[in-house]
Amino acid sequence: MNDIIRSIEAGQLKNEVTEFRVGDTVKVYAKVKEGNRERTQVFEGIVLKRQNGGARETFTVRKSSNGIGVEKTWPLHSPSVEKIEVIRLGKVRRAKLNYLRQRSGKSAKVKERVK
């Protein structure tokens, strides 16, 4: 049974997925439907977490908009995610950055990783 599910999910995976990690600052280009029109909306922020794996993998991005924290979670292999562009590489020591939710200002920054 598991082999059947794996083969179905393998067909739904994207061929090319941008490499990014937790702590990186990314721009997510997402398709948004408004009535009968479709446009691309950009969401830029820090990756808080990546969950699961395979076709069910999701990632959460957080940004501060007018002093209010905004988080969005997308499926990585979703057709609504057009592309993911990495802006800055973050240097973190955790898999999930939930502590950033309570921080504001300079303490909410993540150090930059140098290649």
PDB file of N, CA and C in Angstrom:
ATOM      1  N   MET A   1       0.821  -1.201   0.000  1.00  0.00           N
ATOM      2  CA  MET A   1       0.000   0.000   0.000  1.00  0.00           C
ATOM      3  C   MET A   1       0.864   1.263   0.000  1.00  0.00           C
ATOM      4  N   ASN A   2       1.931   1.277   0.796  1.00  0.00           N
ATOM      5  CA  ASN A   2       2.777   2.458   0.864  1.00  0.00           C
ATOM      6  C   ASN A   2       3.464   2.744  -0.465  1.00  0.00           C
ATOM      7  N   ASP A   3       3.805   1.706  -1.216  1.00  0.00           N
ATOM      8  CA  ASP A   3       4.452   1.907  -2.507  1.00  0.00           C
ATOM      9  C   ASP A   3       3.507   2.591  -3.492  1.00  0.00           C
ATOM     10  N   ILE A   4       2.244   2.278  -3.420  1.00  0.00           N
ATOM     11  CA  ILE A   4       1.247   2.903  -4.300  1.00  0.00           C
ATOM     12  C   ILE A   4       1.126   4.393  -3.975  1.00  0.00           C
ATOM     13  N   ILE A   5       1.055   4.710  -2.690  1.00  0.00           N
ATOM     14  CA  ILE A   5       0.944   6.112  -2.273  1.00  0.00           C
ATOM     15  C   ILE A   5       2.194   6.882  -2.664  1.00  0.00           C
ATOM     16  N   ARG A   6       3.365   6.289  -2.453  1.00  0.00           N
ATOM     17  CA  ARG A   6       4.620   6.952  -2.814  1.00  0.00           C
ATOM     18  C   ARG A   6       4.699   7.222  -4.308  1.00  0.00           C
ATOM     19  N   SER A   7       4.228   6.307  -5.130  1.00  0.00           N
ATOM     20  CA  SER A   7       4.288   6.505  -6.574  1.00  0.00           C
ATOM     21  C   SER A   7       3.334   7.615  -7.030  1.00  0.00           C
ATOM     22  N   ILE A   8       2.192   7.720  -6.379  1.00  0.00           N
ATOM     23  CA  ILE A   8       1.241   8.790  -6.706  1.00  0.00           C
ATOM     24  C   ILE A   8       1.812  10.143  -6.294  1.00  0.00           C
ATOM     25  N   GLU A   9       2.393  10.208  -5.085  1.00  0.00           N
ATOM     26  CA  GLU A   9       2.966  11.467  -4.604  1.00  0.00           C
ATOM     27  C   GLU A   9       4.178  11.887  -5.412  1.00  0.00           C
ATOM     28  N   ALA A  10       4.947  10.941  -5.919  1.00  0.00           N
ATOM     29  CA  ALA A  10       6.135  11.267  -6.709  1.00  0.00           C
ATOM     30  C   ALA A  10       5.760  12.029  -7.976  1.00  0.00           C
ATOM     31  N   GLY A  11       4.604  11.748  -8.527  1.00  0.00           N
ATOM     32  CA  GLY A  11       4.142  12.458  -9.721  1.00  0.00           C
ATOM     33  C   GLY A  11       3.715  13.885  -9.438  1.00  0.00           C
ATOM     34  N   GLN A  12       3.441  14.204  -8.183  1.00  0.00           N
ATOM     35  CA  GLN A  12       2.989  15.543  -7.818  1.00  0.00           C
ATOM     36  C   GLN A  12       4.121  16.464  -7.380  1.00  0.00           C
ATOM     37  N   LEU A  13       5.332  15.940  -7.235  1.00  0.00           N
ATOM     38  CA  LEU A  13       6.469  16.749  -6.809  1.00  0.00           C
ATOM     39  C   LEU A  13       6.933  17.663  -7.932  1.00  0.00           C
ATOM     40  N   LYS A  14       7.450  18.850  -7.554  1.00  0.00           N
ATOM     41  CA  LYS A  14       8.038  19.754  -8.535  1.00  0.00           C
ATOM     42  C   LYS A  14       9.409  19.232  -8.934  1.00  0.00           C
ATOM     43  N   ASN A  15       9.792  19.498 -10.189  1.00  0.00           N
ATOM     44  CA  ASN A  15      11.095  19.056 -10.666  1.00  0.00           C
ATOM     45  C   ASN A  15      12.223  19.849 -10.029  1.00  0.00           C
ATOM     46  N   GLU A  16      12.071  21.165  -9.972  1.00  0.00           N
ATOM     47  CA  GLU A  16      13.115  22.031  -9.430  1.00  0.00           C
ATOM     48  C   GLU A  16      12.559  22.802  -8.244  1.00  0.00           C
ATOM     49  N   VAL A  17      13.179  22.608  -7.075  1.00  0.00           N
ATOM     50  CA  VAL A  17      12.801  23.334  -5.870  1.00  0.00           C
ATOM     51  C   VAL A  17      14.027  24.086  -5.386  1.00  0.00           C
ATOM     52  N   THR A  18      13.875  25.378  -5.091  1.00  0.00           N
ATOM     53  CA  THR A  18      14.977  26.198  -4.617  1.00  0.00           C
ATOM     54  C   THR A  18      15.458  25.706  -3.260  1.00  0.00           C
ATOM     55  N   GLU A  19      16.781  25.623  -3.095  1.00  0.00           N
ATOM     56  CA  GLU A  19      17.358  25.216  -1.816  1.00  0.00           C
ATOM     57  C   GLU A  19      17.301  26.391  -0.847  1.00  0.00           C
ATOM     58  N   PHE A  20      16.648  26.207   0.280  1.00  0.00           N
ATOM     59  CA  PHE A  20      16.643  27.202   1.352  1.00  0.00           C
ATOM     60  C   PHE A  20      16.506  26.479   2.667  1.00  0.00           C
ATOM     61  N   ARG A  21      16.947  27.151   3.743  1.00  0.00           N
ATOM     62  CA  ARG A  21      16.933  26.554   5.069  1.00  0.00           C
ATOM     63  C   ARG A  21      16.172  27.461   6.028  1.00  0.00           C
ATOM     64  N   VAL A  22      15.982  26.961   7.235  1.00  0.00           N
ATOM     65  CA  VAL A  22      15.354  27.754   8.290  1.00  0.00           C
ATOM     66  C   VAL A  22      16.291  28.904   8.627  1.00  0.00           C
ATOM     67  N   GLY A  23      15.747  30.110   8.774  1.00  0.00           N
ATOM     68  CA  GLY A  23      16.538  31.292   9.086  1.00  0.00           C
ATOM     69  C   GLY A  23      16.860  32.141   7.871  1.00  0.00           C
ATOM     70  N   ASP A  24      16.700  31.600   6.678  1.00  0.00           N
ATOM     71  CA  ASP A  24      16.966  32.362   5.457  1.00  0.00           C
ATOM     72  C   ASP A  24      15.854  33.375   5.214  1.00  0.00           C
ATOM     73  N   THR A  25      16.205  34.497   4.624  1.00  0.00           N
ATOM     74  CA  THR A  25      15.212  35.474   4.185  1.00  0.00           C
ATOM     75  C   THR A  25      14.877  35.166   2.730  1.00  0.00           C
ATOM     76  N   VAL A  26      13.594  34.958   2.458  1.00  0.00           N
ATOM     77  CA  VAL A  26      13.175  34.543   1.124  1.00  0.00           C
ATOM     78  C   VAL A  26      12.044  35.435   0.611  1.00  0.00           C
ATOM     79  N   LYS A  27      11.917  35.446  -0.711  1.00  0.00           N
ATOM     80  CA  LYS A  27      10.761  36.045  -1.377  1.00  0.00           C
ATOM     81  C   LYS A  27       9.964  34.904  -1.975  1.00  0.00           C
ATOM     82  N   VAL A  28       8.691  34.815  -1.608  1.00  0.00           N
ATOM     83  CA  VAL A  28       7.819  33.776  -2.135  1.00  0.00           C
ATOM     84  C   VAL A  28       6.875  34.431  -3.137  1.00  0.00           C
ATOM     85  N   TYR A  29       6.924  33.958  -4.369  1.00  0.00           N
ATOM     86  CA  TYR A  29       6.046  34.452  -5.422  1.00  0.00           C
ATOM     87  C   TYR A  29       4.848  33.504  -5.491  1.00  0.00           C
ATOM     88  N   ALA A  30       3.699  33.964  -5.007  1.00  0.00           N
ATOM     89  CA  ALA A  30       2.512  33.116  -4.930  1.00  0.00           C
ATOM     90  C   ALA A  30       1.440  33.631  -5.880  1.00  0.00           C
ATOM     91  N   LYS A  31       0.727  32.698  -6.510  1.00  0.00           N
ATOM     92  CA  LYS A  31      -0.381  33.054  -7.396  1.00  0.00           C
ATOM     93  C   LYS A  31      -1.619  33.304  -6.554  1.00  0.00           C
ATOM     94  N   VAL A  32      -2.311  34.413  -6.836  1.00  0.00           N
ATOM     95  CA  VAL A  32      -3.520  34.779  -6.104  1.00  0.00           C
ATOM     96  C   VAL A  32      -4.642  34.958  -7.116  1.00  0.00           C
ATOM     97  N   LYS A  33      -5.771  34.284  -6.873  1.00  0.00           N
ATOM     98  CA  LYS A  33      -6.931  34.428  -7.756  1.00  0.00           C
ATOM     99  C   LYS A  33      -7.882  35.453  -7.164  1.00  0.00           C
ATOM    100  N   GLU A  34      -8.242  36.440  -7.983  1.00  0.00           N
ATOM    101  CA  GLU A  34      -9.215  37.459  -7.592  1.00  0.00           C
ATOM    102  C   GLU A  34     -10.306  37.462  -8.654  1.00  0.00           C
ATOM    103  N   GLY A  35     -11.403  36.835  -8.346  1.00  0.00           N
ATOM    104  CA  GLY A  35     -12.482  36.718  -9.331  1.00  0.00           C
ATOM    105  C   GLY A  35     -12.045  35.814 -10.461  1.00  0.00           C
ATOM    106  N   ASN A  36     -12.011  36.375 -11.678  1.00  0.00           N
ATOM    107  CA  ASN A  36     -11.584  35.570 -12.829  1.00  0.00           C
ATOM    108  C   ASN A  36     -10.150  35.896 -13.248  1.00  0.00           C
ATOM    109  N   ARG A  37      -9.479  36.804 -12.500  1.00  0.00           N
ATOM    110  CA  ARG A  37      -8.097  37.178 -12.825  1.00  0.00           C
ATOM    111  C   ARG A  37      -7.137  36.465 -11.875  1.00  0.00           C
ATOM    112  N   GLU A  38      -5.924  36.286 -12.346  1.00  0.00           N
ATOM    113  CA  GLU A  38      -4.883  35.683 -11.516  1.00  0.00           C
ATOM    114  C   GLU A  38      -3.642  36.559 -11.580  1.00  0.00           C
ATOM    115  N   ARG A  39      -3.054  36.835 -10.407  1.00  0.00           N
ATOM    116  CA  ARG A  39      -1.849  37.664 -10.370  1.00  0.00           C
ATOM    117  C   ARG A  39      -0.837  37.037  -9.419  1.00  0.00           C
ATOM    118  N   THR A  40       0.394  37.554  -9.460  1.00  0.00           N
ATOM    119  CA  THR A  40       1.454  37.056  -8.599  1.00  0.00           C
ATOM    120  C   THR A  40       1.678  38.052  -7.465  1.00  0.00           C
ATOM    121  N   GLN A  41       1.684  37.541  -6.241  1.00  0.00           N
ATOM    122  CA  GLN A  41       1.911  38.376  -5.063  1.00  0.00           C
ATOM    123  C   GLN A  41       3.205  37.926  -4.396  1.00  0.00           C
ATOM    124  N   VAL A  42       4.041  38.892  -3.994  1.00  0.00           N
ATOM    125  CA  VAL A  42       5.328  38.590  -3.387  1.00  0.00           C
ATOM    126  C   VAL A  42       5.211  38.738  -1.875  1.00  0.00           C
ATOM    127  N   PHE A  43       5.730  37.757  -1.140  1.00  0.00           N
ATOM    128  CA  PHE A  43       5.736  37.775   0.325  1.00  0.00           C
ATOM    129  C   PHE A  43       7.181  37.557   0.745  1.00  0.00           C
ATOM    130  N   GLU A  44       7.782  38.551   1.403  1.00  0.00           N
ATOM    131  CA  GLU A  44       9.191  38.477   1.791  1.00  0.00           C
ATOM    132  C   GLU A  44       9.314  38.411   3.301  1.00  0.00           C
ATOM    133  N   GLY A  45      10.075  37.430   3.798  1.00  0.00           N
ATOM    134  CA  GLY A  45      10.270  37.295   5.232  1.00  0.00           C
ATOM    135  C   GLY A  45      11.253  36.189   5.572  1.00  0.00           C
ATOM    136  N   ILE A  46      11.342  35.876   6.870  1.00  0.00           N
ATOM    137  CA  ILE A  46      12.268  34.865   7.383  1.00  0.00           C
ATOM    138  C   ILE A  46      11.551  33.520   7.471  1.00  0.00           C
ATOM    139  N   VAL A  47      12.221  32.467   7.051  1.00  0.00           N
ATOM    140  CA  VAL A  47      11.653  31.118   7.142  1.00  0.00           C
ATOM    141  C   VAL A  47      11.735  30.671   8.596  1.00  0.00           C
ATOM    142  N   LEU A  48      10.570  30.424   9.219  1.00  0.00           N
ATOM    143  CA  LEU A  48      10.518  29.981  10.612  1.00  0.00           C
ATOM    144  C   LEU A  48      10.680  28.480  10.738  1.00  0.00           C
ATOM    145  N   LYS A  49      10.072  27.730   9.821  1.00  0.00           N
ATOM    146  CA  LYS A  49      10.139  26.274   9.933  1.00  0.00           C
ATOM    147  C   LYS A  49       9.827  25.613   8.611  1.00  0.00           C
ATOM    148  N   ARG A  50      10.314  24.374   8.496  1.00  0.00           N
ATOM    149  CA  ARG A  50       9.961  23.472   7.398  1.00  0.00           C
ATOM    150  C   ARG A  50       9.465  22.201   8.053  1.00  0.00           C
ATOM    151  N   GLN A  51       8.336  21.703   7.582  1.00  0.00           N
ATOM    152  CA  GLN A  51       7.715  20.546   8.202  1.00  0.00           C
ATOM    153  C   GLN A  51       7.497  19.429   7.201  1.00  0.00           C
ATOM    154  N   ASN A  52       7.446  18.203   7.721  1.00  0.00           N
ATOM    155  CA  ASN A  52       7.139  16.998   6.959  1.00  0.00           C
ATOM    156  C   ASN A  52       8.174  16.752   5.865  1.00  0.00           C
ATOM    157  N   GLY A  53       7.780  16.087   4.816  1.00  0.00           N
ATOM    158  CA  GLY A  53       8.680  15.776   3.724  1.00  0.00           C
ATOM    159  C   GLY A  53       7.886  15.270   2.546  1.00  0.00           C
ATOM    160  N   GLY A  54       8.538  15.149   1.414  1.00  0.00           N
ATOM    161  CA  GLY A  54       7.874  14.649   0.214  1.00  0.00           C
ATOM    162  C   GLY A  54       6.840  15.631  -0.309  1.00  0.00           C
ATOM    163  N   ALA A  55       5.710  15.119  -0.750  1.00  0.00           N
ATOM    164  CA  ALA A  55       4.666  15.955  -1.344  1.00  0.00           C
ATOM    165  C   ALA A  55       3.942  16.800  -0.295  1.00  0.00           C
ATOM    166  N   ARG A  56       4.022  16.412   0.968  1.00  0.00           N
ATOM    167  CA  ARG A  56       3.315  17.134   2.033  1.00  0.00           C
ATOM    168  C   ARG A  56       4.175  18.191   2.711  1.00  0.00           C
ATOM    169  N   GLU A  57       5.376  18.447   2.226  1.00  0.00           N
ATOM    170  CA  GLU A  57       6.286  19.382   2.894  1.00  0.00           C
ATOM    171  C   GLU A  57       5.746  20.807   2.833  1.00  0.00           C
ATOM    172  N   THR A  58       5.785  21.492   3.981  1.00  0.00           N
ATOM    173  CA  THR A  58       5.336  22.878   4.071  1.00  0.00           C
ATOM    174  C   THR A  58       6.433  23.724   4.693  1.00  0.00           C
ATOM    175  N   PHE A  59       6.346  25.032   4.459  1.00  0.00           N
ATOM    176  CA  PHE A  59       7.272  25.966   5.086  1.00  0.00           C
ATOM    177  C   PHE A  59       6.501  27.207   5.513  1.00  0.00           C
ATOM    178  N   THR A  60       6.958  27.821   6.607  1.00  0.00           N
ATOM    179  CA  THR A  60       6.294  28.998   7.168  1.00  0.00           C
ATOM    180  C   THR A  60       7.239  30.183   7.082  1.00  0.00           C
ATOM    181  N   VAL A  61       6.727  31.314   6.585  1.00  0.00           N
ATOM    182  CA  VAL A  61       7.506  32.540   6.445  1.00  0.00           C
ATOM    183  C   VAL A  61       6.843  33.625   7.283  1.00  0.00           C
ATOM    184  N   ARG A  62       7.661  34.402   8.012  1.00  0.00           N
ATOM    185  CA  ARG A  62       7.152  35.466   8.881  1.00  0.00           C
ATOM    186  C   ARG A  62       7.772  36.787   8.474  1.00  0.00           C
ATOM    187  N   LYS A  63       6.928  37.811   8.419  1.00  0.00           N
ATOM    188  CA  LYS A  63       7.421  39.169   8.168  1.00  0.00           C
ATOM    189  C   LYS A  63       6.702  40.121   9.103  1.00  0.00           C
ATOM    190  N   SER A  64       7.254  41.313   9.249  1.00  0.00           N
ATOM    191  CA  SER A  64       6.626  42.345  10.061  1.00  0.00           C
ATOM    192  C   SER A  64       6.046  43.391   9.120  1.00  0.00           C
ATOM    193  N   SER A  65       4.738  43.602   9.204  1.00  0.00           N
ATOM    194  CA  SER A  65       4.060  44.554   8.345  1.00  0.00           C
ATOM    195  C   SER A  65       3.402  45.622   9.210  1.00  0.00           C
ATOM    196  N   ASN A  66       3.917  46.838   9.136  1.00  0.00           N
ATOM    197  CA  ASN A  66       3.430  47.959   9.949  1.00  0.00           C
ATOM    198  C   ASN A  66       3.464  47.636  11.442  1.00  0.00           C
ATOM    199  N   GLY A  67       4.527  46.958  11.876  1.00  0.00           N
ATOM    200  CA  GLY A  67       4.686  46.638  13.289  1.00  0.00           C
ATOM    201  C   GLY A  67       3.907  45.424  13.752  1.00  0.00           C
ATOM    202  N   ILE A  68       3.210  44.763  12.856  1.00  0.00           N
ATOM    203  CA  ILE A  68       2.426  43.578  13.205  1.00  0.00           C
ATOM    204  C   ILE A  68       3.044  42.380  12.488  1.00  0.00           C
ATOM    205  N   GLY A  69       3.267  41.298  13.215  1.00  0.00           N
ATOM    206  CA  GLY A  69       3.847  40.095  12.628  1.00  0.00           C
ATOM    207  C   GLY A  69       2.822  39.351  11.792  1.00  0.00           C
ATOM    208  N   VAL A  70       3.226  38.964  10.587  1.00  0.00           N
ATOM    209  CA  VAL A  70       2.347  38.225   9.679  1.00  0.00           C
ATOM    210  C   VAL A  70       3.063  36.938   9.283  1.00  0.00           C
ATOM    211  N   GLU A  71       2.375  35.804   9.418  1.00  0.00           N
ATOM    212  CA  GLU A  71       2.941  34.514   9.038  1.00  0.00           C
ATOM    213  C   GLU A  71       2.068  33.852   7.990  1.00  0.00           C
ATOM    214  N   LYS A  72       2.718  33.189   7.042  1.00  0.00           N
ATOM    215  CA  LYS A  72       1.991  32.413   6.046  1.00  0.00           C
ATOM    216  C   LYS A  72       2.686  31.078   5.885  1.00  0.00           C
ATOM    217  N   THR A  73       1.890  30.043   5.692  1.00  0.00           N
ATOM    218  CA  THR A  73       2.410  28.692   5.483  1.00  0.00           C
ATOM    219  C   THR A  73       1.975  28.214   4.106  1.00  0.00           C
ATOM    220  N   TRP A  74       2.950  27.711   3.332  1.00  0.00           N
ATOM    221  CA  TRP A  74       2.664  27.205   1.996  1.00  0.00           C
ATOM    222  C   TRP A  74       3.140  25.768   1.861  1.00  0.00           C
ATOM    223  N   PRO A  75       2.437  24.974   1.070  1.00  0.00           N
ATOM    224  CA  PRO A  75       2.994  23.681   0.669  1.00  0.00           C
ATOM    225  C   PRO A  75       4.131  23.930  -0.326  1.00  0.00           C
ATOM    226  N   LEU A  76       5.254  23.260  -0.138  1.00  0.00           N
ATOM    227  CA  LEU A  76       6.438  23.493  -0.961  1.00  0.00           C
ATOM    228  C   LEU A  76       6.204  23.134  -2.425  1.00  0.00           C
ATOM    229  N   HIS A  77       5.476  22.062  -2.679  1.00  0.00           N
ATOM    230  CA  HIS A  77       5.272  21.578  -4.050  1.00  0.00           C
ATOM    231  C   HIS A  77       3.937  22.022  -4.639  1.00  0.00           C
ATOM    232  N   SER A  78       3.331  23.052  -4.059  1.00  0.00           N
ATOM    233  CA  SER A  78       2.042  23.534  -4.525  1.00  0.00           C
ATOM    234  C   SER A  78       2.181  24.290  -5.850  1.00  0.00           C
ATOM    235  N   PRO A  79       1.222  24.139  -6.751  1.00  0.00           N
ATOM    236  CA  PRO A  79       1.270  24.930  -7.985  1.00  0.00           C
ATOM    237  C   PRO A  79       1.001  26.414  -7.738  1.00  0.00           C
ATOM    238  N   SER A  80       0.456  26.774  -6.576  1.00  0.00           N
ATOM    239  CA  SER A  80       0.219  28.190  -6.273  1.00  0.00           C
ATOM    240  C   SER A  80       1.505  28.914  -5.899  1.00  0.00           C
ATOM    241  N   VAL A  81       2.558  28.192  -5.538  1.00  0.00           N
ATOM    242  CA  VAL A  81       3.863  28.803  -5.280  1.00  0.00           C
ATOM    243  C   VAL A  81       4.634  28.793  -6.591  1.00  0.00           C
ATOM    244  N   GLU A  82       4.777  29.993  -7.170  1.00  0.00           N
ATOM    245  CA  GLU A  82       5.421  30.113  -8.475  1.00  0.00           C
ATOM    246  C   GLU A  82       6.919  29.865  -8.367  1.00  0.00           C
ATOM    247  N   LYS A  83       7.569  30.628  -7.476  1.00  0.00           N
ATOM    248  CA  LYS A  83       9.002  30.432  -7.243  1.00  0.00           C
ATOM    249  C   LYS A  83       9.376  30.985  -5.880  1.00  0.00           C
ATOM    250  N   ILE A  84      10.530  30.545  -5.384  1.00  0.00           N
ATOM    251  CA  ILE A  84      11.065  30.992  -4.105  1.00  0.00           C
ATOM    252  C   ILE A  84      12.459  31.537  -4.383  1.00  0.00           C
ATOM    253  N   GLU A  85      12.701  32.775  -3.957  1.00  0.00           N
ATOM    254  CA  GLU A  85      13.972  33.434  -4.207  1.00  0.00           C
ATOM    255  C   GLU A  85      14.654  33.703  -2.869  1.00  0.00           C
ATOM    256  N   VAL A  86      15.879  33.212  -2.687  1.00  0.00           N
ATOM    257  CA  VAL A  86      16.613  33.406  -1.440  1.00  0.00           C
ATOM    258  C   VAL A  86      17.330  34.751  -1.499  1.00  0.00           C
ATOM    259  N   ILE A  87      17.078  35.605  -0.483  1.00  0.00           N
ATOM    260  CA  ILE A  87      17.681  36.939  -0.431  1.00  0.00           C
ATOM    261  C   ILE A  87      18.929  36.918   0.457  1.00  0.00           C
ATOM    262  N   ARG A  88      18.782  36.423   1.695  1.00  0.00           N
ATOM    263  CA  ARG A  88      19.881  36.345   2.661  1.00  0.00           C
ATOM    264  C   ARG A  88      19.921  34.941   3.253  1.00  0.00           C
ATOM    265  N   LEU A  89      21.119  34.471   3.562  1.00  0.00           N
ATOM    266  CA  LEU A  89      21.278  33.195   4.235  1.00  0.00           C
ATOM    267  C   LEU A  89      21.380  33.456   5.733  1.00  0.00           C
ATOM    268  N   GLY A  90      20.610  32.750   6.525  1.00  0.00           N
ATOM    269  CA  GLY A  90      20.599  32.964   7.965  1.00  0.00           C
ATOM    270  C   GLY A  90      21.415  31.919   8.697  1.00  0.00           C
ATOM    271  N   LYS A  91      22.087  32.353   9.768  1.00  0.00           N
ATOM    272  CA  LYS A  91      22.886  31.443  10.589  1.00  0.00           C
ATOM    273  C   LYS A  91      22.117  31.164  11.870  1.00  0.00           C
ATOM    274  N   VAL A  92      21.525  29.980  11.971  1.00  0.00           N
ATOM    275  CA  VAL A  92      20.730  29.606  13.142  1.00  0.00           C
ATOM    276  C   VAL A  92      21.160  28.228  13.621  1.00  0.00           C
ATOM    277  N   ARG A  93      20.807  27.930  14.876  1.00  0.00           N
ATOM    278  CA  ARG A  93      21.190  26.649  15.469  1.00  0.00           C
ATOM    279  C   ARG A  93      19.967  25.817  15.840  1.00  0.00           C
ATOM    280  N   ARG A  94      18.814  26.180  15.311  1.00  0.00           N
ATOM    281  CA  ARG A  94      17.586  25.467  15.631  1.00  0.00           C
ATOM    282  C   ARG A  94      16.838  25.107  14.349  1.00  0.00           C
ATOM    283  N   ALA A  95      15.982  24.109  14.466  1.00  0.00           N
ATOM    284  CA  ALA A  95      15.178  23.685  13.320  1.00  0.00           C
ATOM    285  C   ALA A  95      13.904  24.505  13.206  1.00  0.00           C
ATOM    286  N   LYS A  96      13.418  25.033  14.320  1.00  0.00           N
ATOM    287  CA  LYS A  96      12.202  25.855  14.332  1.00  0.00           C
ATOM    288  C   LYS A  96      12.497  27.142  15.098  1.00  0.00           C
ATOM    289  N   LEU A  97      12.158  28.275  14.512  1.00  0.00           N
ATOM    290  CA  LEU A  97      12.466  29.575  15.113  1.00  0.00           C
ATOM    291  C   LEU A  97      11.224  30.204  15.733  1.00  0.00           C
ATOM    292  N   ASN A  98      10.500  29.433  16.557  1.00  0.00           N
ATOM    293  CA  ASN A  98       9.275  29.938  17.163  1.00  0.00           C
ATOM    294  C   ASN A  98       9.534  31.096  18.125  1.00  0.00           C
ATOM    295  N   TYR A  99      10.747  31.205  18.666  1.00  0.00           N
ATOM    296  CA  TYR A  99      11.056  32.266  19.617  1.00  0.00           C
ATOM    297  C   TYR A  99      11.030  33.653  18.968  1.00  0.00           C
ATOM    298  N   LEU A 100      11.108  33.732  17.650  1.00  0.00           N
ATOM    299  CA  LEU A 100      11.064  35.029  16.972  1.00  0.00           C
ATOM    300  C   LEU A 100       9.698  35.690  17.081  1.00  0.00           C
ATOM    301  N   ARG A 101       8.664  34.907  17.399  1.00  0.00           N
ATOM    302  CA  ARG A 101       7.318  35.465  17.505  1.00  0.00           C
ATOM    303  C   ARG A 101       7.199  36.443  18.670  1.00  0.00           C
ATOM    304  N   GLN A 102       7.949  36.238  19.733  1.00  0.00           N
ATOM    305  CA  GLN A 102       7.883  37.119  20.900  1.00  0.00           C
ATOM    306  C   GLN A 102       8.859  38.284  20.791  1.00  0.00           C
ATOM    307  N   ARG A 103       9.719  38.283  19.793  1.00  0.00           N
ATOM    308  CA  ARG A 103      10.742  39.308  19.661  1.00  0.00           C
ATOM    309  C   ARG A 103      10.302  40.396  18.697  1.00  0.00           C
ATOM    310  N   SER A 104      10.874  41.595  18.906  1.00  0.00           N
ATOM    311  CA  SER A 104      10.632  42.701  17.976  1.00  0.00           C
ATOM    312  C   SER A 104      11.898  43.535  17.892  1.00  0.00           C
ATOM    313  N   GLY A 105      12.027  44.294  16.829  1.00  0.00           N
ATOM    314  CA  GLY A 105      13.197  45.155  16.662  1.00  0.00           C
ATOM    315  C   GLY A 105      14.451  44.366  16.336  1.00  0.00           C
ATOM    316  N   LYS A 106      15.574  44.815  16.950  1.00  0.00           N
ATOM    317  CA  LYS A 106      16.863  44.199  16.657  1.00  0.00           C
ATOM    318  C   LYS A 106      16.963  42.758  17.133  1.00  0.00           C
ATOM    319  N   SER A 107      16.284  42.424  18.214  1.00  0.00           N
ATOM    320  CA  SER A 107      16.382  41.064  18.756  1.00  0.00           C
ATOM    321  C   SER A 107      15.675  40.043  17.862  1.00  0.00           C
ATOM    322  N   ALA A 108      14.858  40.509  16.925  1.00  0.00           N
ATOM    323  CA  ALA A 108      14.164  39.604  16.008  1.00  0.00           C
ATOM    324  C   ALA A 108      14.994  39.313  14.761  1.00  0.00           C
ATOM    325  N   LYS A 109      16.222  39.864  14.711  1.00  0.00           N
ATOM    326  CA  LYS A 109      17.081  39.631  13.549  1.00  0.00           C
ATOM    327  C   LYS A 109      17.785  38.290  13.665  1.00  0.00           C
ATOM    328  N   VAL A 110      18.175  37.753  12.512  1.00  0.00           N
ATOM    329  CA  VAL A 110      18.942  36.525  12.435  1.00  0.00           C
ATOM    330  C   VAL A 110      20.275  36.877  11.812  1.00  0.00           C
ATOM    331  N   LYS A 111      21.369  36.353  12.390  1.00  0.00           N
ATOM    332  CA  LYS A 111      22.708  36.636  11.849  1.00  0.00           C
ATOM    333  C   LYS A 111      22.824  36.084  10.447  1.00  0.00           C
ATOM    334  N   GLU A 112      23.649  36.748   9.632  1.00  0.00           N
ATOM    335  CA  GLU A 112      23.815  36.319   8.251  1.00  0.00           C
ATOM    336  C   GLU A 112      24.921  35.284   8.139  1.00  0.00           C
ATOM    337  N   ARG A 113      24.647  34.239   7.366  1.00  0.00           N
ATOM    338  CA  ARG A 113      25.629  33.181   7.129  1.00  0.00           C
ATOM    339  C   ARG A 113      26.435  33.549   5.897  1.00  0.00           C
ATOM    340  N   VAL A 114      27.756  33.462   6.006  1.00  0.00           N
ATOM    341  CA  VAL A 114      28.628  33.780   4.895  1.00  0.00           C
ATOM    342  C   VAL A 114      29.013  32.494   4.210  1.00  0.00           C
ATOM    343  N   LYS A 115      28.881  32.479   2.876  1.00  0.00           N
ATOM    344  CA  LYS A 115      29.215  31.263   2.110  1.00  0.00           C
ATOM    345  C   LYS A 115      30.699  31.016   2.117  1.00  0.00           C
TER     346      LYS A 115
END
